[in-house]
PDB file of N, CA and C in Angstrom:
ATOM      1  N   MET A   1      16.853  36.274  18.474  1.00  0.00           N
ATOM      2  CA  MET A   1      18.052  35.566  18.880  1.00  0.00           C
ATOM      3  C   MET A   1      17.707  34.477  19.904  1.00  0.00           C
ATOM      4  N   MET A   2      16.843  34.819  20.856  1.00  0.00           N
ATOM      5  CA  MET A   2      16.463  33.864  21.894  1.00  0.00           C
ATOM      6  C   MET A   2      15.750  32.658  21.284  1.00  0.00           C
ATOM      7  N   ILE A   3      14.928  32.888  20.268  1.00  0.00           N
ATOM      8  CA  ILE A   3      14.207  31.794  19.621  1.00  0.00           C
ATOM      9  C   ILE A   3      15.196  30.857  18.934  1.00  0.00           C
ATOM     10  N   LYS A   4      16.215  31.411  18.275  1.00  0.00           N
ATOM     11  CA  LYS A   4      17.212  30.581  17.593  1.00  0.00           C
ATOM     12  C   LYS A   4      17.971  29.708  18.587  1.00  0.00           C
ATOM     13  N   VAL A   5      18.365  30.275  19.709  1.00  0.00           N
ATOM     14  CA  VAL A   5      19.089  29.513  20.724  1.00  0.00           C
ATOM     15  C   VAL A   5      18.200  28.395  21.266  1.00  0.00           C
ATOM     16  N   GLY A   6      16.953  28.722  21.555  1.00  0.00           N
ATOM     17  CA  GLY A   6      16.013  27.718  22.050  1.00  0.00           C
ATOM     18  C   GLY A   6      15.780  26.612  21.039  1.00  0.00           C
ATOM     19  N   THR A   7      15.670  26.984  19.779  1.00  0.00           N
ATOM     20  CA  THR A   7      15.473  26.002  18.711  1.00  0.00           C
ATOM     21  C   THR A   7      16.689  25.097  18.588  1.00  0.00           C
ATOM     22  N   LEU A   8      17.880  25.682  18.621  1.00  0.00           N
ATOM     23  CA  LEU A   8      19.104  24.885  18.532  1.00  0.00           C
ATOM     24  C   LEU A   8      19.233  23.932  19.713  1.00  0.00           C
ATOM     25  N   LEU A   9      18.898  24.403  20.890  1.00  0.00           N
ATOM     26  CA  LEU A   9      18.954  23.553  22.074  1.00  0.00           C
ATOM     27  C   LEU A   9      17.972  22.390  21.947  1.00  0.00           C
ATOM     28  N   ALA A  10      16.766  22.685  21.511  1.00  0.00           N
ATOM     29  CA  ALA A  10      15.753  21.641  21.337  1.00  0.00           C
ATOM     30  C   ALA A  10      16.199  20.617  20.300  1.00  0.00           C
ATOM     31  N   LEU A  11      16.772  21.082  19.195  1.00  0.00           N
ATOM     32  CA  LEU A  11      17.244  20.172  18.151  1.00  0.00           C
ATOM     33  C   LEU A  11      18.387  19.297  18.649  1.00  0.00           C
ATOM     34  N   SER A  12      19.289  19.862  19.435  1.00  0.00           N
ATOM     35  CA  SER A  12      20.408  19.062  19.937  1.00  0.00           C
ATOM     36  C   SER A  12      19.917  17.999  20.912  1.00  0.00           C
ATOM     37  N   ILE A  13      18.930  18.326  21.731  1.00  0.00           N
ATOM     38  CA  ILE A  13      18.367  17.342  22.658  1.00  0.00           C
ATOM     39  C   ILE A  13      17.657  16.237  21.889  1.00  0.00           C
ATOM     40  N   LEU A  14      16.900  16.608  20.867  1.00  0.00           N
ATOM     41  CA  LEU A  14      16.209  15.614  20.048  1.00  0.00           C
ATOM     42  C   LEU A  14      17.192  14.709  19.328  1.00  0.00           C
ATOM     43  N   SER A  15      18.273  15.278  18.802  1.00  0.00           N
ATOM     44  CA  SER A  15      19.240  14.454  18.081  1.00  0.00           C
ATOM     45  C   SER A  15      19.950  13.496  19.033  1.00  0.00           C
ATOM     46  N   LEU A  16      20.219  13.912  20.271  1.00  0.00           N
ATOM     47  CA  LEU A  16      20.825  13.022  21.253  1.00  0.00           C
ATOM     48  C   LEU A  16      19.865  11.886  21.594  1.00  0.00           C
ATOM     49  N   SER A  17      18.588  12.202  21.746  1.00  0.00           N
ATOM     50  CA  SER A  17      17.588  11.168  22.013  1.00  0.00           C
ATOM     51  C   SER A  17      17.478  10.213  20.836  1.00  0.00           C
ATOM     52  N   ALA A  18      17.532  10.753  19.628  1.00  0.00           N
ATOM     53  CA  ALA A  18      17.467   9.917  18.430  1.00  0.00           C
ATOM     54  C   ALA A  18      18.679   8.999  18.363  1.00  0.00           C
ATOM     55  N   TYR A  19      19.863   9.518  18.742  1.00  0.00           N
ATOM     56  CA  TYR A  19      21.070   8.688  18.749  1.00  0.00           C
ATOM     57  C   TYR A  19      20.889   7.518  19.708  1.00  0.00           C
ATOM     58  N   ALA A  20      20.400   7.790  20.898  1.00  0.00           N
ATOM     59  CA  ALA A  20      20.191   6.732  21.885  1.00  0.00           C
ATOM     60  C   ALA A  20      19.192   5.703  21.367  1.00  0.00           C
ATOM     61  N   ALA A  21      18.158   6.169  20.700  1.00  0.00           N
ATOM     62  CA  ALA A  21      17.143   5.256  20.175  1.00  0.00           C
ATOM     63  C   ALA A  21      17.703   4.383  19.060  1.00  0.00           C
ATOM     64  N   THR A  22      18.555   4.947  18.207  1.00  0.00           N
ATOM     65  CA  THR A  22      19.083   4.173  17.085  1.00  0.00           C
ATOM     66  C   THR A  22      20.150   3.185  17.517  1.00  0.00           C
ATOM     67  N   THR A  23      20.837   3.438  18.629  1.00  0.00           N
ATOM     68  CA  THR A  23      21.856   2.494  19.076  1.00  0.00           C
ATOM     69  C   THR A  23      21.221   1.230  19.630  1.00  0.00           C
ATOM     70  N   GLY A  24      20.009   1.335  20.157  1.00  0.00           N
ATOM     71  CA  GLY A  24      19.341   0.183  20.733  1.00  0.00           C
ATOM     72  C   GLY A  24      20.027  -0.323  21.992  1.00  0.00           C
ATOM     73  N   LEU A  25      20.812   0.522  22.629  1.00  0.00           N
ATOM     74  CA  LEU A  25      21.526   0.117  23.835  1.00  0.00           C
ATOM     75  C   LEU A  25      20.682   0.367  25.072  1.00  0.00           C
ATOM     76  N   ASN A  26      20.841  -0.517  26.046  1.00  0.00           N
ATOM     77  CA  ASN A  26      20.220  -0.278  27.338  1.00  0.00           C
ATOM     78  C   ASN A  26      21.169  -0.762  28.423  1.00  0.00           C
ATOM     79  N   SER A  27      20.944  -0.271  29.605  1.00  0.00           N
ATOM     80  CA  SER A  27      21.749  -0.649  30.756  1.00  0.00           C
ATOM     81  C   SER A  27      20.807  -1.246  31.796  1.00  0.00           C
ATOM     82  N   PRO A  28      20.654  -2.591  31.795  1.00  0.00           N
ATOM     83  CA  PRO A  28      19.693  -3.219  32.706  1.00  0.00           C
ATOM     84  C   PRO A  28      20.044  -3.031  34.181  1.00  0.00           C
ATOM     85  N   VAL A  29      21.333  -2.930  34.477  1.00  0.00           N
ATOM     86  CA  VAL A  29      21.831  -2.634  35.824  1.00  0.00           C
ATOM     87  C   VAL A  29      23.094  -1.794  35.669  1.00  0.00           C
ATOM     88  N   PRO A  30      23.462  -1.038  36.685  1.00  0.00           N
ATOM     89  CA  PRO A  30      24.690  -0.238  36.574  1.00  0.00           C
ATOM     90  C   PRO A  30      25.898  -1.110  36.212  1.00  0.00           C
ATOM     91  N   GLY A  31      26.690  -0.636  35.258  1.00  0.00           N
ATOM     92  CA  GLY A  31      27.893  -1.354  34.855  1.00  0.00           C
ATOM     93  C   GLY A  31      27.691  -2.389  33.775  1.00  0.00           C
ATOM     94  N   VAL A  32      26.473  -2.508  33.241  1.00  0.00           N
ATOM     95  CA  VAL A  32      26.190  -3.464  32.163  1.00  0.00           C
ATOM     96  C   VAL A  32      25.521  -2.724  31.017  1.00  0.00           C
ATOM     97  N   LEU A  33      26.015  -2.966  29.791  1.00  0.00           N
ATOM     98  CA  LEU A  33      25.395  -2.430  28.576  1.00  0.00           C
ATOM     99  C   LEU A  33      25.009  -3.591  27.682  1.00  0.00           C
ATOM    100  N   CYS A  34      23.826  -3.513  27.085  1.00  0.00           N
ATOM    101  CA  CYS A  34      23.351  -4.545  26.166  1.00  0.00           C
ATOM    102  C   CYS A  34      22.768  -3.897  24.919  1.00  0.00           C
ATOM    103  N   ASP A  35      22.907  -4.595  23.793  1.00  0.00           N
ATOM    104  CA  ASP A  35      22.106  -4.250  22.624  1.00  0.00           C
ATOM    105  C   ASP A  35      21.171  -5.446  22.421  1.00  0.00           C
ATOM    106  N   LYS A  36      20.716  -5.708  21.223  1.00  0.00           N
ATOM    107  CA  LYS A  36      19.788  -6.820  21.013  1.00  0.00           C
ATOM    108  C   LYS A  36      20.482  -8.176  20.952  1.00  0.00           C
ATOM    109  N   THR A  37      21.833  -8.180  20.844  1.00  0.00           N
ATOM    110  CA  THR A  37      22.535  -9.446  20.652  1.00  0.00           C
ATOM    111  C   THR A  37      23.597  -9.769  21.691  1.00  0.00           C
ATOM    112  N   ILE A  38      24.143  -8.762  22.375  1.00  0.00           N
ATOM    113  CA  ILE A  38      25.232  -8.990  23.326  1.00  0.00           C
ATOM    114  C   ILE A  38      25.081  -8.112  24.563  1.00  0.00           C
ATOM    115  N   CYS A  39      25.712  -8.553  25.644  1.00  0.00           N
ATOM    116  CA  CYS A  39      25.835  -7.743  26.859  1.00  0.00           C
ATOM    117  C   CYS A  39      27.292  -7.749  27.290  1.00  0.00           C
ATOM    118  N   ALA A  40      27.695  -6.649  27.912  1.00  0.00           N
ATOM    119  CA  ALA A  40      29.072  -6.522  28.376  1.00  0.00           C
ATOM    120  C   ALA A  40      29.102  -5.769  29.696  1.00  0.00           C
ATOM    121  N   ASP A  41      30.195  -5.986  30.424  1.00  0.00           N
ATOM    122  CA  ASP A  41      30.466  -5.204  31.627  1.00  0.00           C
ATOM    123  C   ASP A  41      31.892  -4.672  31.517  1.00  0.00           C
ATOM    124  N   GLU A  42      32.437  -4.172  32.605  1.00  0.00           N
ATOM    125  CA  GLU A  42      33.769  -3.563  32.562  1.00  0.00           C
ATOM    126  C   GLU A  42      34.875  -4.556  32.200  1.00  0.00           C
ATOM    127  N   HIS A  43      34.580  -5.848  32.227  1.00  0.00           N
ATOM    128  CA  HIS A  43      35.565  -6.869  31.873  1.00  0.00           C
ATOM    129  C   HIS A  43      35.454  -7.294  30.414  1.00  0.00           C
ATOM    130  N   GLY A  44      34.368  -6.929  29.740  1.00  0.00           N
ATOM    131  CA  GLY A  44      34.194  -7.273  28.331  1.00  0.00           C
ATOM    132  C   GLY A  44      32.874  -7.979  28.068  1.00  0.00           C
ATOM    133  N   LEU A  45      32.786  -8.541  26.868  1.00  0.00           N
ATOM    134  CA  LEU A  45      31.586  -9.291  26.500  1.00  0.00           C
ATOM    135  C   LEU A  45      31.405 -10.462  27.449  1.00  0.00           C
ATOM    136  N   SER A  46      30.155 -10.783  27.746  1.00  0.00           N
ATOM    137  CA  SER A  46      29.884 -11.822  28.731  1.00  0.00           C
ATOM    138  C   SER A  46      28.743 -12.727  28.278  1.00  0.00           C
ATOM    139  N   VAL A  47      29.053 -14.013  28.166  1.00  0.00           N
ATOM    140  CA  VAL A  47      28.013 -14.992  27.844  1.00  0.00           C
ATOM    141  C   VAL A  47      26.990 -15.036  28.977  1.00  0.00           C
ATOM    142  N   ALA A  48      27.465 -15.009  30.220  1.00  0.00           N
ATOM    143  CA  ALA A  48      26.558 -15.080  31.378  1.00  0.00           C
ATOM    144  C   ALA A  48      25.594 -13.896  31.407  1.00  0.00           C
ATOM    145  N   LEU A  49      26.120 -12.681  31.200  1.00  0.00           N
ATOM    146  CA  LEU A  49      25.247 -11.499  31.203  1.00  0.00           C
ATOM    147  C   LEU A  49      24.316 -11.491  29.998  1.00  0.00           C
ATOM    148  N   THR A  50      24.823 -11.920  28.852  1.00  0.00           N
ATOM    149  CA  THR A  50      23.987 -11.984  27.652  1.00  0.00           C
ATOM    150  C   THR A  50      22.830 -12.947  27.882  1.00  0.00           C
ATOM    151  N   THR A  51      23.115 -14.101  28.464  1.00  0.00           N
ATOM    152  CA  THR A  51      22.072 -15.086  28.765  1.00  0.00           C
ATOM    153  C   THR A  51      21.075 -14.522  29.775  1.00  0.00           C
ATOM    154  N   LYS A  52      21.587 -13.878  30.810  1.00  0.00           N
ATOM    155  CA  LYS A  52      20.725 -13.340  31.872  1.00  0.00           C
ATOM    156  C   LYS A  52      19.766 -12.275  31.351  1.00  0.00           C
ATOM    157  N   TYR A  53      20.270 -11.343  30.538  1.00  0.00           N
ATOM    158  CA  TYR A  53      19.448 -10.202  30.128  1.00  0.00           C
ATOM    159  C   TYR A  53      18.806 -10.343  28.752  1.00  0.00           C
ATOM    160  N   LEU A  54      19.346 -11.221  27.904  1.00  0.00           N
ATOM    161  CA  LEU A  54      18.797 -11.344  26.549  1.00  0.00           C
ATOM    162  C   LEU A  54      18.251 -12.732  26.246  1.00  0.00           C
ATOM    163  N   GLY A  55      18.468 -13.668  27.148  1.00  0.00           N
ATOM    164  CA  GLY A  55      17.914 -15.001  26.969  1.00  0.00           C
ATOM    165  C   GLY A  55      18.939 -16.046  26.556  1.00  0.00           C
ATOM    166  N   LYS A  56      18.529 -17.284  26.736  1.00  0.00           N
ATOM    167  CA  LYS A  56      19.401 -18.432  26.482  1.00  0.00           C
ATOM    168  C   LYS A  56      19.891 -18.482  25.035  1.00  0.00           C
ATOM    169  N   GLN A  57      19.004 -18.189  24.094  1.00  0.00           N
ATOM    170  CA  GLN A  57      19.368 -18.275  22.677  1.00  0.00           C
ATOM    171  C   GLN A  57      20.498 -17.298  22.327  1.00  0.00           C
ATOM    172  N   GLN A  58      20.409 -16.063  22.794  1.00  0.00           N
ATOM    173  CA  GLN A  58      21.460 -15.076  22.499  1.00  0.00           C
ATOM    174  C   GLN A  58      22.754 -15.453  23.208  1.00  0.00           C
ATOM    175  N   GLY A  59      22.652 -15.971  24.418  1.00  0.00           N
ATOM    176  CA  GLY A  59      23.839 -16.431  25.138  1.00  0.00           C
ATOM    177  C   GLY A  59      24.541 -17.559  24.405  1.00  0.00           C
ATOM    178  N   GLU A  60      23.750 -18.495  23.868  1.00  0.00           N
ATOM    179  CA  GLU A  60      24.325 -19.608  23.111  1.00  0.00           C
ATOM    180  C   GLU A  60      24.981 -19.126  21.821  1.00  0.00           C
ATOM    181  N   LYS A  61      24.391 -18.127  21.171  1.00  0.00           N
ATOM    182  CA  LYS A  61      24.998 -17.576  19.948  1.00  0.00           C
ATOM    183  C   LYS A  61      26.359 -16.962  20.249  1.00  0.00           C
ATOM    184  N   LEU A  62      26.450 -16.223  21.345  1.00  0.00           N
ATOM    185  CA  LEU A  62      27.729 -15.618  21.714  1.00  0.00           C
ATOM    186  C   LEU A  62      28.745 -16.701  22.075  1.00  0.00           C
ATOM    187  N   ALA A  63      28.314 -17.708  22.814  1.00  0.00           N
ATOM    188  CA  ALA A  63      29.212 -18.804  23.189  1.00  0.00           C
ATOM    189  C   ALA A  63      29.696 -19.561  21.955  1.00  0.00           C
ATOM    190  N   ALA A  64      28.825 -19.705  20.951  1.00  0.00           N
ATOM    191  CA  ALA A  64      29.174 -20.430  19.729  1.00  0.00           C
ATOM    192  C   ALA A  64      30.234 -19.713  18.898  1.00  0.00           C
ATOM    193  N   ALA A  65      30.457 -18.442  19.177  1.00  0.00           N
ATOM    194  CA  ALA A  65      31.487 -17.695  18.445  1.00  0.00           C
ATOM    195  C   ALA A  65      32.881 -18.197  18.805  1.00  0.00           C
ATOM    196  N   GLY A  66      32.978 -18.999  19.859  1.00  0.00           N
ATOM    197  CA  GLY A  66      34.266 -19.560  20.252  1.00  0.00           C
ATOM    198  C   GLY A  66      35.094 -18.574  21.046  1.00  0.00           C
ATOM    199  N   GLN A  67      36.381 -18.867  21.129  1.00  0.00           N
ATOM    200  CA  GLN A  67      37.276 -18.013  21.903  1.00  0.00           C
ATOM    201  C   GLN A  67      37.761 -16.857  21.038  1.00  0.00           C
ATOM    202  N   PHE A  68      37.632 -15.666  21.549  1.00  0.00           N
ATOM    203  CA  PHE A  68      38.104 -14.458  20.876  1.00  0.00           C
ATOM    204  C   PHE A  68      38.324 -13.400  21.942  1.00  0.00           C
ATOM    205  N   ASP A  69      38.954 -12.304  21.552  1.00  0.00           N
ATOM    206  CA  ASP A  69      39.224 -11.215  22.490  1.00  0.00           C
ATOM    207  C   ASP A  69      37.908 -10.524  22.830  1.00  0.00           C
ATOM    208  N   THR A  70      37.462 -10.691  24.056  1.00  0.00           N
ATOM    209  CA  THR A  70      36.183 -10.106  24.476  1.00  0.00           C
ATOM    210  C   THR A  70      36.355  -8.724  25.100  1.00  0.00           C
ATOM    211  N   SER A  71      37.586  -8.206  25.089  1.00  0.00           N
ATOM    212  CA  SER A  71      37.845  -6.926  25.755  1.00  0.00           C
ATOM    213  C   SER A  71      37.559  -5.710  24.880  1.00  0.00           C
ATOM    214  N   ALA A  72      37.424  -5.898  23.573  1.00  0.00           N
ATOM    215  CA  ALA A  72      37.110  -4.794  22.659  1.00  0.00           C
ATOM    216  C   ALA A  72      35.979  -5.259  21.751  1.00  0.00           C
ATOM    217  N   PHE A  73      34.914  -4.488  21.672  1.00  0.00           N
ATOM    218  CA  PHE A  73      33.712  -4.945  20.968  1.00  0.00           C
ATOM    219  C   PHE A  73      32.914  -3.758  20.448  1.00  0.00           C
ATOM    220  N   THR A  74      32.093  -4.047  19.440  1.00  0.00           N
ATOM    221  CA  THR A  74      31.245  -3.029  18.827  1.00  0.00           C
ATOM    222  C   THR A  74      29.794  -3.467  18.942  1.00  0.00           C
ATOM    223  N   PHE A  75      28.979  -2.613  19.524  1.00  0.00           N
ATOM    224  CA  PHE A  75      27.548  -2.884  19.606  1.00  0.00           C
ATOM    225  C   PHE A  75      26.904  -2.639  18.246  1.00  0.00           C
ATOM    226  N   ARG A  76      25.702  -3.150  18.055  1.00  0.00           N
ATOM    227  CA  ARG A  76      25.001  -3.055  16.770  1.00  0.00           C
ATOM    228  C   ARG A  76      24.883  -1.637  16.236  1.00  0.00           C
ATOM    229  N   GLY A  77      24.712  -0.659  17.073  1.00  0.00           N
ATOM    230  CA  GLY A  77      24.573   0.721  16.617  1.00  0.00           C
ATOM    231  C   GLY A  77      25.886   1.383  16.239  1.00  0.00           C
ATOM    232  N   GLY A  78      27.014   0.661  16.406  1.00  0.00           N
ATOM    233  CA  GLY A  78      28.312   1.202  16.038  1.00  0.00           C
ATOM    234  C   GLY A  78      29.165   1.657  17.207  1.00  0.00           C
ATOM    235  N   LEU A  79      28.584   1.728  18.407  1.00  0.00           N
ATOM    236  CA  LEU A  79      29.351   2.134  19.577  1.00  0.00           C
ATOM    237  C   LEU A  79      30.429   1.088  19.850  1.00  0.00           C
ATOM    238  N   PHE A  80      31.675   1.538  19.963  1.00  0.00           N
ATOM    239  CA  PHE A  80      32.818   0.660  20.201  1.00  0.00           C
ATOM    240  C   PHE A  80      33.320   0.873  21.621  1.00  0.00           C
ATOM    241  N   CYS A  81      33.528  -0.203  22.369  1.00  0.00           N
ATOM    242  CA  CYS A  81      34.048  -0.098  23.731  1.00  0.00           C
ATOM    243  C   CYS A  81      35.288  -0.968  23.872  1.00  0.00           C
ATOM    244  N   ASP A  82      36.251  -0.465  24.626  1.00  0.00           N
ATOM    245  CA  ASP A  82      37.507  -1.170  24.866  1.00  0.00           C
ATOM    246  C   ASP A  82      37.746  -1.190  26.373  1.00  0.00           C
ATOM    247  N   THR A  83      37.737  -2.385  26.953  1.00  0.00           N
ATOM    248  CA  THR A  83      37.877  -2.484  28.404  1.00  0.00           C
ATOM    249  C   THR A  83      39.295  -2.181  28.869  1.00  0.00           C
ATOM    250  N   ASN A  84      40.280  -2.317  27.986  1.00  0.00           N
ATOM    251  CA  ASN A  84      41.653  -1.964  28.362  1.00  0.00           C
ATOM    252  C   ASN A  84      41.809  -0.448  28.452  1.00  0.00           C
ATOM    253  N   GLU A  85      41.194   0.275  27.518  1.00  0.00           N
ATOM    254  CA  GLU A  85      41.196   1.742  27.558  1.00  0.00           C
ATOM    255  C   GLU A  85      40.185   2.283  28.563  1.00  0.00           C
ATOM    256  N   ARG A  86      39.185   1.444  28.877  1.00  0.00           N
ATOM    257  CA  ARG A  86      38.054   1.841  29.724  1.00  0.00           C
ATOM    258  C   ARG A  86      37.314   3.026  29.110  1.00  0.00           C
ATOM    259  N   LEU A  87      37.084   2.917  27.788  1.00  0.00           N
ATOM    260  CA  LEU A  87      36.396   3.961  27.033  1.00  0.00           C
ATOM    261  C   LEU A  87      35.440   3.350  26.032  1.00  0.00           C
ATOM    262  N   CYS A  88      34.369   4.080  25.740  1.00  0.00           N
ATOM    263  CA  CYS A  88      33.491   3.768  24.619  1.00  0.00           C
ATOM    264  C   CYS A  88      33.585   4.928  23.639  1.00  0.00           C
ATOM    265  N   ARG A  89      33.615   4.594  22.363  1.00  0.00           N
ATOM    266  CA  ARG A  89      33.734   5.601  21.305  1.00  0.00           C
ATOM    267  C   ARG A  89      32.580   5.432  20.322  1.00  0.00           C
ATOM    268  N   ASP A  90      32.289   6.509  19.597  1.00  0.00           N
ATOM    269  CA  ASP A  90      31.179   6.473  18.646  1.00  0.00           C
ATOM    270  C   ASP A  90      31.442   5.546  17.461  1.00  0.00           C
ATOM    271  N   ASP A  91      32.707   5.205  17.188  1.00  0.00           N
ATOM    272  CA  ASP A  91      33.029   4.210  16.161  1.00  0.00           C
ATOM    273  C   ASP A  91      34.358   3.553  16.510  1.00  0.00           C
ATOM    274  N   ARG A  92      34.728   2.536  15.755  1.00  0.00           N
ATOM    275  CA  ARG A  92      35.920   1.741  16.086  1.00  0.00           C
ATOM    276  C   ARG A  92      37.116   2.029  15.197  1.00  0.00           C
ATOM    277  N   TYR A  93      37.055   3.046  14.372  1.00  0.00           N
ATOM    278  CA  TYR A  93      38.072   3.267  13.354  1.00  0.00           C
ATOM    279  C   TYR A  93      39.328   3.938  13.888  1.00  0.00           C
ATOM    280  N   PHE A  94      40.395   3.828  13.100  1.00  0.00           N
ATOM    281  CA  PHE A  94      41.692   4.409  13.448  1.00  0.00           C
ATOM    282  C   PHE A  94      41.978   5.616  12.569  1.00  0.00           C
ATOM    283  N   GLY A  95      42.709   6.574  13.115  1.00  0.00           N
ATOM    284  CA  GLY A  95      43.150   7.736  12.357  1.00  0.00           C
ATOM    285  C   GLY A  95      44.453   7.427  11.640  1.00  0.00           C
ATOM    286  N   THR A  96      44.973   8.399  10.899  1.00  0.00           N
ATOM    287  CA  THR A  96      46.222   8.219  10.164  1.00  0.00           C
ATOM    288  C   THR A  96      47.410   8.028  11.102  1.00  0.00           C
ATOM    289  N   ASP A  97      47.254   8.430  12.355  1.00  0.00           N
ATOM    290  CA  ASP A  97      48.327   8.261  13.337  1.00  0.00           C
ATOM    291  C   ASP A  97      48.326   6.870  13.979  1.00  0.00           C
ATOM    292  N   GLY A  98      47.391   6.007  13.561  1.00  0.00           N
ATOM    293  CA  GLY A  98      47.319   4.656  14.097  1.00  0.00           C
ATOM    294  C   GLY A  98      46.575   4.544  15.413  1.00  0.00           C
ATOM    295  N   LYS A  99      46.050   5.643  15.901  1.00  0.00           N
ATOM    296  CA  LYS A  99      45.292   5.646  17.155  1.00  0.00           C
ATOM    297  C   LYS A  99      43.801   5.682  16.847  1.00  0.00           C
ATOM    298  N   ARG A 100      43.016   5.223  17.785  1.00  0.00           N
ATOM    299  CA  ARG A 100      41.563   5.258  17.599  1.00  0.00           C
ATOM    300  C   ARG A 100      41.115   6.690  17.363  1.00  0.00           C
ATOM    301  N   SER A 101      40.261   6.860  16.366  1.00  0.00           N
ATOM    302  CA  SER A 101      39.840   8.215  15.993  1.00  0.00           C
ATOM    303  C   SER A 101      38.411   8.538  16.401  1.00  0.00           C
ATOM    304  N   GLY A 102      37.647   7.533  16.809  1.00  0.00           N
ATOM    305  CA  GLY A 102      36.254   7.768  17.187  1.00  0.00           C
ATOM    306  C   GLY A 102      36.145   8.683  18.392  1.00  0.00           C
ATOM    307  N   LYS A 103      35.151   9.556  18.339  1.00  0.00           N
ATOM    308  CA  LYS A 103      34.905  10.476  19.451  1.00  0.00           C
ATOM    309  C   LYS A 103      34.523   9.673  20.692  1.00  0.00           C
ATOM    310  N   ILE A 104      35.107  10.021  21.830  1.00  0.00           N
ATOM    311  CA  ILE A 104      34.773   9.350  23.085  1.00  0.00           C
ATOM    312  C   ILE A 104      33.329   9.676  23.449  1.00  0.00           C
ATOM    313  N   ASN A 105      32.560   8.630  23.726  1.00  0.00           N
ATOM    314  CA  ASN A 105      31.168   8.792  24.119  1.00  0.00           C
ATOM    315  C   ASN A 105      31.120   8.723  25.650  1.00  0.00           C
ATOM    316  N   THR A 106      31.094   9.891  26.268  1.00  0.00           N
ATOM    317  CA  THR A 106      31.168   9.957  27.731  1.00  0.00           C
ATOM    318  C   THR A 106      29.950   9.327  28.412  1.00  0.00           C
ATOM    319  N   HIS A 107      28.790   9.420  27.769  1.00  0.00           N
ATOM    320  CA  HIS A 107      27.568   8.855  28.358  1.00  0.00           C
ATOM    321  C   HIS A 107      27.693   7.339  28.528  1.00  0.00           C
ATOM    322  N   TYR A 108      28.007   6.639  27.445  1.00  0.00           N
ATOM    323  CA  TYR A 108      28.096   5.181  27.521  1.00  0.00           C
ATOM    324  C   TYR A 108      29.352   4.714  28.247  1.00  0.00           C
ATOM    325  N   THR A 109      30.429   5.499  28.181  1.00  0.00           N
ATOM    326  CA  THR A 109      31.624   5.170  28.964  1.00  0.00           C
ATOM    327  C   THR A 109      31.273   5.173  30.449  1.00  0.00           C
ATOM    328  N   ALA A 110      30.537   6.188  30.888  1.00  0.00           N
ATOM    329  CA  ALA A 110      30.137   6.272  32.299  1.00  0.00           C
ATOM    330  C   ALA A 110      29.193   5.136  32.678  1.00  0.00           C
ATOM    331  N   LEU A 111      28.264   4.777  31.792  1.00  0.00           N
ATOM    332  CA  LEU A 111      27.342   3.681  32.097  1.00  0.00           C
ATOM    333  C   LEU A 111      28.083   2.358  32.261  1.00  0.00           C
ATOM    334  N   LEU A 112      29.084   2.132  31.423  1.00  0.00           N
ATOM    335  CA  LEU A 112      29.792   0.855  31.456  1.00  0.00           C
ATOM    336  C   LEU A 112      30.902   0.811  32.500  1.00  0.00           C
ATOM    337  N   PHE A 113      31.667   1.897  32.617  1.00  0.00           N
ATOM    338  CA  PHE A 113      32.858   1.882  33.468  1.00  0.00           C
ATOM    339  C   PHE A 113      32.766   2.743  34.719  1.00  0.00           C
ATOM    340  N   GLY A 114      31.684   3.462  34.882  1.00  0.00           N
ATOM    341  CA  GLY A 114      31.579   4.362  36.024  1.00  0.00           C
ATOM    342  C   GLY A 114      32.103   5.738  35.670  1.00  0.00           C
ATOM    343  N   LYS A 115      32.643   6.433  36.646  1.00  0.00           N
ATOM    344  CA  LYS A 115      33.104   7.807  36.457  1.00  0.00           C
ATOM    345  C   LYS A 115      34.089   7.914  35.286  1.00  0.00           C
ATOM    346  N   VAL A 116      33.907   8.955  34.491  1.00  0.00           N
ATOM    347  CA  VAL A 116      34.766   9.187  33.337  1.00  0.00           C
ATOM    348  C   VAL A 116      35.844  10.191  33.707  1.00  0.00           C
ATOM    349  N   ASP A 117      37.099   9.793  33.513  1.00  0.00           N
ATOM    350  CA  ASP A 117      38.209  10.728  33.708  1.00  0.00           C
ATOM    351  C   ASP A 117      38.418  11.481  32.410  1.00  0.00           C
ATOM    352  N   LYS A 118      38.683  12.760  32.506  1.00  0.00           N
ATOM    353  CA  LYS A 118      38.936  13.569  31.310  1.00  0.00           C
ATOM    354  C   LYS A 118      40.263  13.134  30.705  1.00  0.00           C
ATOM    355  N   PRO A 119      40.285  12.791  29.385  1.00  0.00           N
ATOM    356  CA  PRO A 119      41.542  12.359  28.753  1.00  0.00           C
ATOM    357  C   PRO A 119      42.507  13.514  28.594  1.00  0.00           C
TER     358      PRO A 119
END
């Protein structure tokens, strides 16, 4: 029994590490999340932060997208963050009730917005 519990714990830790690796997200400083193409803070997507942490070319690509709502965005790995909700979710989809259905990702929510309040 002890071996099974240890194995399950090890597998869950590995899968969490694999999830982090596949998202390609990093937090260069507290309150900022970046993938390979965009950076955001608690106010939303940021051309200035993207330029600072990912380079001039990526900053120009984001700026070239024109004016759009920068308060809700999806990183390349599928993580969706909404600065109005102050939450990051594992996906951006809606349930049949019209509300966001993605599981709240407490790790990335805390990295981007600070302390996570229990919903």
